[in-house]
N, C-alpha and C. Protein backbone atom coordinates (compact mmCIF):
# COMPACT_ATOMS: atom_id res chain seq x y z
N MET A 1 -0.84 11.39 6.75
CA MET A 1 -1.25 10.04 7.08
C MET A 1 -0.22 9.42 8.01
N MET A 2 -0.67 8.78 9.05
CA MET A 2 0.25 8.15 9.99
C MET A 2 0.75 6.83 9.43
N PRO A 3 2.02 6.56 9.65
CA PRO A 3 2.55 5.28 9.16
C PRO A 3 2.09 4.13 10.02
N LEU A 4 2.13 2.95 9.47
CA LEU A 4 1.84 1.75 10.23
C LEU A 4 3.12 1.41 10.98
N VAL A 5 3.11 1.59 12.29
CA VAL A 5 4.31 1.42 13.09
C VAL A 5 4.11 0.26 14.04
N PRO A 6 5.07 -0.68 14.09
CA PRO A 6 4.93 -1.82 14.99
C PRO A 6 4.66 -1.36 16.42
N GLY A 7 3.63 -1.94 17.01
CA GLY A 7 3.32 -1.67 18.40
C GLY A 7 2.39 -0.49 18.62
N LEU A 8 2.17 0.35 17.62
CA LEU A 8 1.32 1.51 17.81
C LEU A 8 -0.05 1.35 17.19
N GLY A 9 -0.16 0.52 16.19
CA GLY A 9 -1.46 0.19 15.62
C GLY A 9 -2.14 1.29 14.84
N PHE A 10 -1.39 2.29 14.37
CA PHE A 10 -2.02 3.33 13.56
C PHE A 10 -2.39 2.78 12.20
N ALA A 11 -3.58 3.07 11.79
CA ALA A 11 -3.97 2.70 10.43
C ALA A 11 -3.31 3.68 9.48
N GLY A 12 -2.86 3.17 8.36
CA GLY A 12 -2.24 4.04 7.37
C GLY A 12 -2.87 3.82 6.03
N GLY A 13 -2.21 4.28 4.99
CA GLY A 13 -2.71 4.09 3.65
C GLY A 13 -2.90 2.62 3.31
N GLU A 14 -2.19 1.77 4.05
CA GLU A 14 -2.29 0.33 3.79
C GLU A 14 -3.72 -0.17 3.95
N THR A 15 -4.48 0.43 4.88
CA THR A 15 -5.84 -0.05 5.10
C THR A 15 -6.74 0.23 3.90
N MET A 16 -6.28 1.11 3.03
CA MET A 16 -7.09 1.43 1.86
C MET A 16 -7.10 0.30 0.84
N ILE A 17 -6.03 -0.49 0.79
CA ILE A 17 -5.97 -1.51 -0.25
C ILE A 17 -5.74 -2.92 0.24
N GLU A 18 -5.20 -3.08 1.43
CA GLU A 18 -4.82 -4.43 1.84
C GLU A 18 -5.96 -5.43 1.92
N PRO A 19 -7.16 -5.06 2.37
CA PRO A 19 -8.22 -6.08 2.35
C PRO A 19 -8.49 -6.61 0.94
N TRP A 20 -8.26 -5.77 -0.07
CA TRP A 20 -8.48 -6.22 -1.44
C TRP A 20 -7.31 -7.05 -1.96
N VAL A 21 -6.09 -6.58 -1.72
CA VAL A 21 -4.96 -7.30 -2.29
C VAL A 21 -4.66 -8.60 -1.57
N PHE A 22 -4.94 -8.64 -0.27
CA PHE A 22 -4.73 -9.89 0.45
C PHE A 22 -5.83 -10.90 0.15
N MET A 23 -6.99 -10.43 -0.32
CA MET A 23 -8.13 -11.29 -0.65
C MET A 23 -8.55 -12.17 0.51
N ASN A 24 -8.31 -11.71 1.71
CA ASN A 24 -8.64 -12.50 2.88
C ASN A 24 -8.67 -11.56 4.07
N TYR A 25 -9.82 -11.42 4.70
CA TYR A 25 -9.97 -10.50 5.82
C TYR A 25 -9.01 -10.83 6.95
N LYS A 26 -8.90 -12.11 7.30
CA LYS A 26 -8.06 -12.50 8.43
C LYS A 26 -6.59 -12.19 8.17
N ARG A 27 -6.13 -12.44 6.96
CA ARG A 27 -4.73 -12.17 6.63
C ARG A 27 -4.48 -10.66 6.66
N ALA A 28 -5.38 -9.89 6.07
CA ALA A 28 -5.22 -8.43 6.08
C ALA A 28 -5.20 -7.91 7.51
N ALA A 29 -6.11 -8.40 8.34
CA ALA A 29 -6.18 -7.94 9.73
C ALA A 29 -4.88 -8.24 10.47
N GLU A 30 -4.35 -9.43 10.30
CA GLU A 30 -3.10 -9.78 11.00
C GLU A 30 -1.97 -8.82 10.62
N TYR A 31 -1.80 -8.57 9.35
CA TYR A 31 -0.71 -7.70 8.92
C TYR A 31 -0.96 -6.25 9.32
N LEU A 32 -2.20 -5.80 9.26
CA LEU A 32 -2.49 -4.42 9.65
C LEU A 32 -2.37 -4.22 11.16
N TYR A 33 -2.80 -5.19 11.95
CA TYR A 33 -2.72 -5.06 13.41
C TYR A 33 -1.30 -5.16 13.93
N THR A 34 -0.46 -5.94 13.28
CA THR A 34 0.88 -6.19 13.80
C THR A 34 1.97 -5.43 13.06
N ALA A 35 1.64 -4.79 11.96
CA ALA A 35 2.61 -4.02 11.17
C ALA A 35 3.82 -4.85 10.79
N GLN A 36 3.56 -6.09 10.42
CA GLN A 36 4.65 -6.97 10.00
C GLN A 36 5.26 -6.45 8.70
N THR A 37 6.55 -6.63 8.58
CA THR A 37 7.25 -6.28 7.35
C THR A 37 7.36 -7.54 6.51
N LEU A 38 6.98 -7.43 5.26
CA LEU A 38 7.08 -8.56 4.35
C LEU A 38 8.38 -8.51 3.58
N THR A 39 8.94 -9.66 3.32
CA THR A 39 10.09 -9.73 2.41
C THR A 39 9.56 -9.67 0.99
N ALA A 40 10.44 -9.43 0.06
CA ALA A 40 10.04 -9.41 -1.35
C ALA A 40 9.48 -10.76 -1.76
N ALA A 41 10.09 -11.84 -1.28
CA ALA A 41 9.61 -13.18 -1.62
C ALA A 41 8.21 -13.43 -1.07
N GLU A 42 7.94 -12.96 0.16
CA GLU A 42 6.60 -13.13 0.74
C GLU A 42 5.57 -12.32 -0.04
N ALA A 43 5.93 -11.10 -0.41
CA ALA A 43 5.01 -10.26 -1.19
C ALA A 43 4.70 -10.91 -2.53
N LEU A 44 5.70 -11.52 -3.14
CA LEU A 44 5.49 -12.21 -4.41
C LEU A 44 4.59 -13.42 -4.22
N GLN A 45 4.85 -14.20 -3.19
CA GLN A 45 4.05 -15.40 -2.92
C GLN A 45 2.59 -15.05 -2.66
N MET A 46 2.34 -13.93 -1.98
CA MET A 46 0.97 -13.52 -1.66
C MET A 46 0.27 -12.83 -2.82
N GLY A 47 1.01 -12.54 -3.86
CA GLY A 47 0.41 -11.86 -5.00
C GLY A 47 0.33 -10.35 -4.84
N LEU A 48 1.09 -9.78 -3.90
CA LEU A 48 1.08 -8.34 -3.70
C LEU A 48 1.92 -7.62 -4.74
N VAL A 49 2.87 -8.33 -5.33
CA VAL A 49 3.70 -7.78 -6.41
C VAL A 49 3.70 -8.79 -7.55
N ASN A 50 3.91 -8.32 -8.75
CA ASN A 50 3.91 -9.20 -9.92
C ASN A 50 5.23 -9.91 -10.12
N ARG A 51 6.32 -9.26 -9.72
CA ARG A 51 7.64 -9.85 -9.90
C ARG A 51 8.61 -9.19 -8.94
N VAL A 52 9.70 -9.87 -8.69
CA VAL A 52 10.79 -9.34 -7.87
C VAL A 52 12.05 -9.40 -8.72
N VAL A 53 12.74 -8.28 -8.80
CA VAL A 53 13.97 -8.24 -9.60
C VAL A 53 15.09 -7.63 -8.77
N ALA A 54 16.30 -7.96 -9.13
CA ALA A 54 17.47 -7.37 -8.47
C ALA A 54 17.51 -5.88 -8.77
N ARG A 55 18.00 -5.11 -7.83
CA ARG A 55 18.05 -3.65 -7.99
C ARG A 55 18.76 -3.25 -9.28
N ASP A 56 19.85 -3.92 -9.62
CA ASP A 56 20.59 -3.54 -10.83
C ASP A 56 19.88 -3.93 -12.12
N GLU A 57 18.83 -4.73 -12.03
CA GLU A 57 18.04 -5.11 -13.20
C GLU A 57 16.73 -4.34 -13.31
N LEU A 58 16.43 -3.54 -12.29
CA LEU A 58 15.13 -2.88 -12.22
C LEU A 58 14.83 -2.01 -13.44
N GLU A 59 15.78 -1.19 -13.83
CA GLU A 59 15.52 -0.29 -14.96
C GLU A 59 15.27 -1.06 -16.25
N SER A 60 16.09 -2.07 -16.54
CA SER A 60 15.91 -2.81 -17.79
C SER A 60 14.61 -3.60 -17.78
N VAL A 61 14.25 -4.19 -16.65
CA VAL A 61 13.00 -4.94 -16.56
C VAL A 61 11.81 -3.99 -16.71
N THR A 62 11.89 -2.83 -16.09
CA THR A 62 10.82 -1.84 -16.19
C THR A 62 10.67 -1.34 -17.63
N GLU A 63 11.79 -1.06 -18.28
CA GLU A 63 11.75 -0.61 -19.67
C GLU A 63 11.14 -1.67 -20.57
N GLU A 64 11.49 -2.92 -20.34
CA GLU A 64 10.94 -4.02 -21.14
C GLU A 64 9.43 -4.14 -20.94
N LEU A 65 8.98 -4.03 -19.70
CA LEU A 65 7.55 -4.09 -19.41
C LEU A 65 6.81 -2.93 -20.07
N ALA A 66 7.37 -1.73 -19.94
CA ALA A 66 6.74 -0.55 -20.54
C ALA A 66 6.67 -0.69 -22.06
N ALA A 67 7.72 -1.20 -22.67
CA ALA A 67 7.72 -1.39 -24.13
C ALA A 67 6.67 -2.42 -24.54
N ASN A 68 6.52 -3.45 -23.74
CA ASN A 68 5.52 -4.49 -24.03
C ASN A 68 4.11 -3.89 -23.96
N ILE A 69 3.85 -3.10 -22.94
CA ILE A 69 2.54 -2.46 -22.80
C ILE A 69 2.32 -1.48 -23.95
N ALA A 70 3.35 -0.73 -24.31
CA ALA A 70 3.23 0.28 -25.36
C ALA A 70 2.91 -0.31 -26.73
N ARG A 71 3.16 -1.59 -26.92
CA ARG A 71 2.85 -2.23 -28.21
C ARG A 71 1.34 -2.42 -28.40
N ALA A 72 0.58 -2.40 -27.32
CA ALA A 72 -0.87 -2.59 -27.42
C ALA A 72 -1.52 -1.30 -27.93
N PRO A 73 -2.61 -1.42 -28.66
CA PRO A 73 -3.33 -0.23 -29.12
C PRO A 73 -3.82 0.60 -27.92
N LEU A 74 -3.68 1.91 -28.02
CA LEU A 74 -4.08 2.79 -26.93
C LEU A 74 -5.55 2.60 -26.57
N SER A 75 -6.40 2.45 -27.56
CA SER A 75 -7.83 2.28 -27.27
C SER A 75 -8.08 1.01 -26.46
N THR A 76 -7.34 -0.04 -26.74
CA THR A 76 -7.48 -1.28 -25.98
C THR A 76 -7.01 -1.09 -24.55
N LEU A 77 -5.89 -0.41 -24.37
CA LEU A 77 -5.39 -0.15 -23.02
C LEU A 77 -6.38 0.70 -22.22
N MET A 78 -6.93 1.72 -22.87
CA MET A 78 -7.89 2.59 -22.18
C MET A 78 -9.14 1.83 -21.78
N ALA A 79 -9.64 0.99 -22.67
CA ALA A 79 -10.84 0.20 -22.36
C ALA A 79 -10.56 -0.79 -21.24
N THR A 80 -9.40 -1.43 -21.28
CA THR A 80 -9.03 -2.39 -20.25
C THR A 80 -8.92 -1.71 -18.89
N LYS A 81 -8.25 -0.56 -18.86
CA LYS A 81 -8.12 0.17 -17.60
C LYS A 81 -9.49 0.58 -17.08
N SER A 82 -10.35 1.06 -17.96
CA SER A 82 -11.69 1.46 -17.56
C SER A 82 -12.46 0.30 -16.92
N MET A 83 -12.35 -0.86 -17.51
CA MET A 83 -13.06 -2.04 -16.97
C MET A 83 -12.46 -2.47 -15.64
N LEU A 84 -11.15 -2.40 -15.50
CA LEU A 84 -10.52 -2.74 -14.22
C LEU A 84 -10.98 -1.79 -13.12
N VAL A 85 -10.97 -0.50 -13.43
CA VAL A 85 -11.42 0.50 -12.44
C VAL A 85 -12.87 0.25 -12.08
N ARG A 86 -13.70 -0.01 -13.06
CA ARG A 86 -15.11 -0.27 -12.80
C ARG A 86 -15.30 -1.51 -11.92
N ALA A 87 -14.53 -2.54 -12.17
CA ALA A 87 -14.62 -3.76 -11.35
C ALA A 87 -14.25 -3.46 -9.90
N TRP A 88 -13.17 -2.70 -9.69
CA TRP A 88 -12.77 -2.35 -8.32
C TRP A 88 -13.86 -1.52 -7.65
N GLU A 89 -14.47 -0.61 -8.40
CA GLU A 89 -15.54 0.20 -7.83
C GLU A 89 -16.73 -0.68 -7.44
N GLN A 90 -17.06 -1.65 -8.26
CA GLN A 90 -18.17 -2.56 -7.95
C GLN A 90 -17.88 -3.37 -6.69
N MET A 91 -16.61 -3.62 -6.43
CA MET A 91 -16.22 -4.37 -5.23
C MET A 91 -16.20 -3.47 -4.00
N GLY A 92 -16.49 -2.18 -4.17
CA GLY A 92 -16.55 -1.27 -3.03
C GLY A 92 -15.28 -0.48 -2.78
N MET A 93 -14.34 -0.52 -3.70
CA MET A 93 -13.07 0.15 -3.47
C MET A 93 -13.22 1.65 -3.29
N ARG A 94 -14.01 2.31 -4.12
CA ARG A 94 -14.16 3.76 -4.02
C ARG A 94 -14.73 4.16 -2.65
N GLN A 95 -15.76 3.46 -2.20
CA GLN A 95 -16.34 3.78 -0.90
C GLN A 95 -15.33 3.53 0.22
N HIS A 96 -14.54 2.47 0.07
CA HIS A 96 -13.54 2.17 1.09
C HIS A 96 -12.46 3.25 1.12
N LEU A 97 -12.03 3.73 -0.03
CA LEU A 97 -11.03 4.80 -0.07
C LEU A 97 -11.55 6.06 0.61
N GLU A 98 -12.82 6.40 0.34
CA GLU A 98 -13.40 7.58 0.96
C GLU A 98 -13.51 7.42 2.47
N LEU A 99 -13.95 6.25 2.92
CA LEU A 99 -14.05 5.99 4.36
C LEU A 99 -12.68 6.03 5.01
N SER A 100 -11.68 5.43 4.37
CA SER A 100 -10.32 5.43 4.92
C SER A 100 -9.79 6.85 5.07
N ALA A 101 -10.04 7.69 4.08
CA ALA A 101 -9.58 9.08 4.17
C ALA A 101 -10.26 9.79 5.33
N ASP A 102 -11.55 9.54 5.53
CA ASP A 102 -12.27 10.15 6.65
C ASP A 102 -11.70 9.70 7.99
N VAL A 103 -11.46 8.40 8.12
CA VAL A 103 -10.92 7.85 9.37
C VAL A 103 -9.52 8.41 9.62
N MET A 104 -8.70 8.48 8.58
CA MET A 104 -7.34 9.00 8.74
C MET A 104 -7.34 10.45 9.20
N SER A 105 -8.28 11.25 8.69
CA SER A 105 -8.31 12.66 9.09
C SER A 105 -8.65 12.79 10.57
N VAL A 106 -9.42 11.86 11.11
CA VAL A 106 -9.72 11.86 12.55
C VAL A 106 -8.52 11.35 13.33
N LEU A 107 -7.92 10.25 12.88
CA LEU A 107 -6.82 9.63 13.61
C LEU A 107 -5.59 10.52 13.72
N GLU A 108 -5.34 11.35 12.72
CA GLU A 108 -4.11 12.15 12.79
C GLU A 108 -4.18 13.24 13.85
N HIS A 109 -5.35 13.44 14.46
CA HIS A 109 -5.49 14.43 15.53
C HIS A 109 -5.53 13.81 16.92
N THR A 110 -5.35 12.50 17.02
CA THR A 110 -5.38 11.84 18.33
C THR A 110 -4.08 12.11 19.08
N SER A 111 -4.13 11.92 20.39
CA SER A 111 -2.92 12.13 21.20
C SER A 111 -1.83 11.13 20.82
N ASP A 112 -2.21 9.91 20.44
CA ASP A 112 -1.22 8.92 20.01
C ASP A 112 -0.47 9.42 18.77
N ALA A 113 -1.22 9.94 17.82
CA ALA A 113 -0.60 10.41 16.58
C ALA A 113 0.29 11.61 16.84
N GLN A 114 -0.16 12.52 17.69
CA GLN A 114 0.65 13.70 18.01
C GLN A 114 1.92 13.29 18.74
N ALA A 115 1.83 12.32 19.64
CA ALA A 115 3.02 11.85 20.36
C ALA A 115 4.01 11.20 19.39
N LEU A 116 3.50 10.42 18.45
CA LEU A 116 4.39 9.79 17.48
C LEU A 116 5.08 10.83 16.61
N ARG A 117 4.33 11.82 16.16
CA ARG A 117 4.93 12.88 15.35
C ARG A 117 6.03 13.60 16.12
N ALA A 118 5.76 13.92 17.39
CA ALA A 118 6.76 14.60 18.22
C ALA A 118 8.00 13.74 18.40
N GLU A 119 7.80 12.45 18.65
CA GLU A 119 8.93 11.54 18.82
C GLU A 119 9.77 11.48 17.55
N LEU A 120 9.12 11.38 16.40
CA LEU A 120 9.85 11.31 15.14
C LEU A 120 10.60 12.60 14.85
N GLN A 121 9.98 13.73 15.18
CA GLN A 121 10.66 15.01 14.97
C GLN A 121 11.87 15.13 15.89
N ASN A 122 11.72 14.68 17.13
CA ASN A 122 12.84 14.74 18.08
C ASN A 122 13.99 13.86 17.62
N ARG A 123 13.68 12.74 17.02
CA ARG A 123 14.72 11.83 16.54
C ARG A 123 15.27 12.26 15.18
N GLY A 124 14.59 13.18 14.54
CA GLY A 124 15.04 13.64 13.23
C GLY A 124 14.86 12.60 12.14
N ARG A 125 13.83 11.75 12.30
CA ARG A 125 13.60 10.68 11.32
C ARG A 125 12.25 10.87 10.65
N LEU A 126 12.19 10.41 9.43
CA LEU A 126 10.94 10.46 8.68
C LEU A 126 10.04 9.31 9.10
N PRO A 127 8.71 9.46 9.00
CA PRO A 127 7.81 8.36 9.33
C PRO A 127 8.13 7.08 8.56
N ARG A 128 8.52 7.20 7.29
CA ARG A 128 8.84 6.01 6.50
C ARG A 128 10.01 5.25 7.14
N GLU A 129 11.02 6.00 7.61
CA GLU A 129 12.17 5.35 8.26
C GLU A 129 11.74 4.63 9.53
N GLN A 130 10.86 5.26 10.30
CA GLN A 130 10.36 4.65 11.54
C GLN A 130 9.57 3.39 11.22
N ALA A 131 8.74 3.45 10.21
CA ALA A 131 7.86 2.33 9.89
C ALA A 131 8.61 1.13 9.35
N THR A 132 9.76 1.36 8.73
CA THR A 132 10.47 0.24 8.11
C THR A 132 11.56 -0.35 8.99
N GLU A 133 11.69 0.16 10.19
CA GLU A 133 12.69 -0.42 11.09
C GLU A 133 12.25 -1.81 11.50
N GLY A 134 13.21 -2.70 11.66
CA GLY A 134 12.89 -4.07 12.03
C GLY A 134 13.13 -4.39 13.40
């Protein structure tokens, strides 16, 4: 999958979920077209993440969240997850994921994608490193 790189406009895995998580076509389009990088605070404000924690607190916060979830009955968790998945499917998520995968398989063979891969290999950098440069 090609990364979303500023100035190149490659669709990436982000197109699979951003229209849903942004809950706004225009907002999703702006971020996907421009490959803007969000700060943690912006992601929190937009509802893309549930919380932001300091790196040194990440493990303890994660353990606390996992322990909280683990206190619920397994059958309740399974039913809740099933209903969430079903709701996303009703909103068209499954079809969108399939379409995105089809489009990505075509895009990765374009001359733009091949040129980007060659450039990244020549620089010795991973696509993730290229995509996160500011």
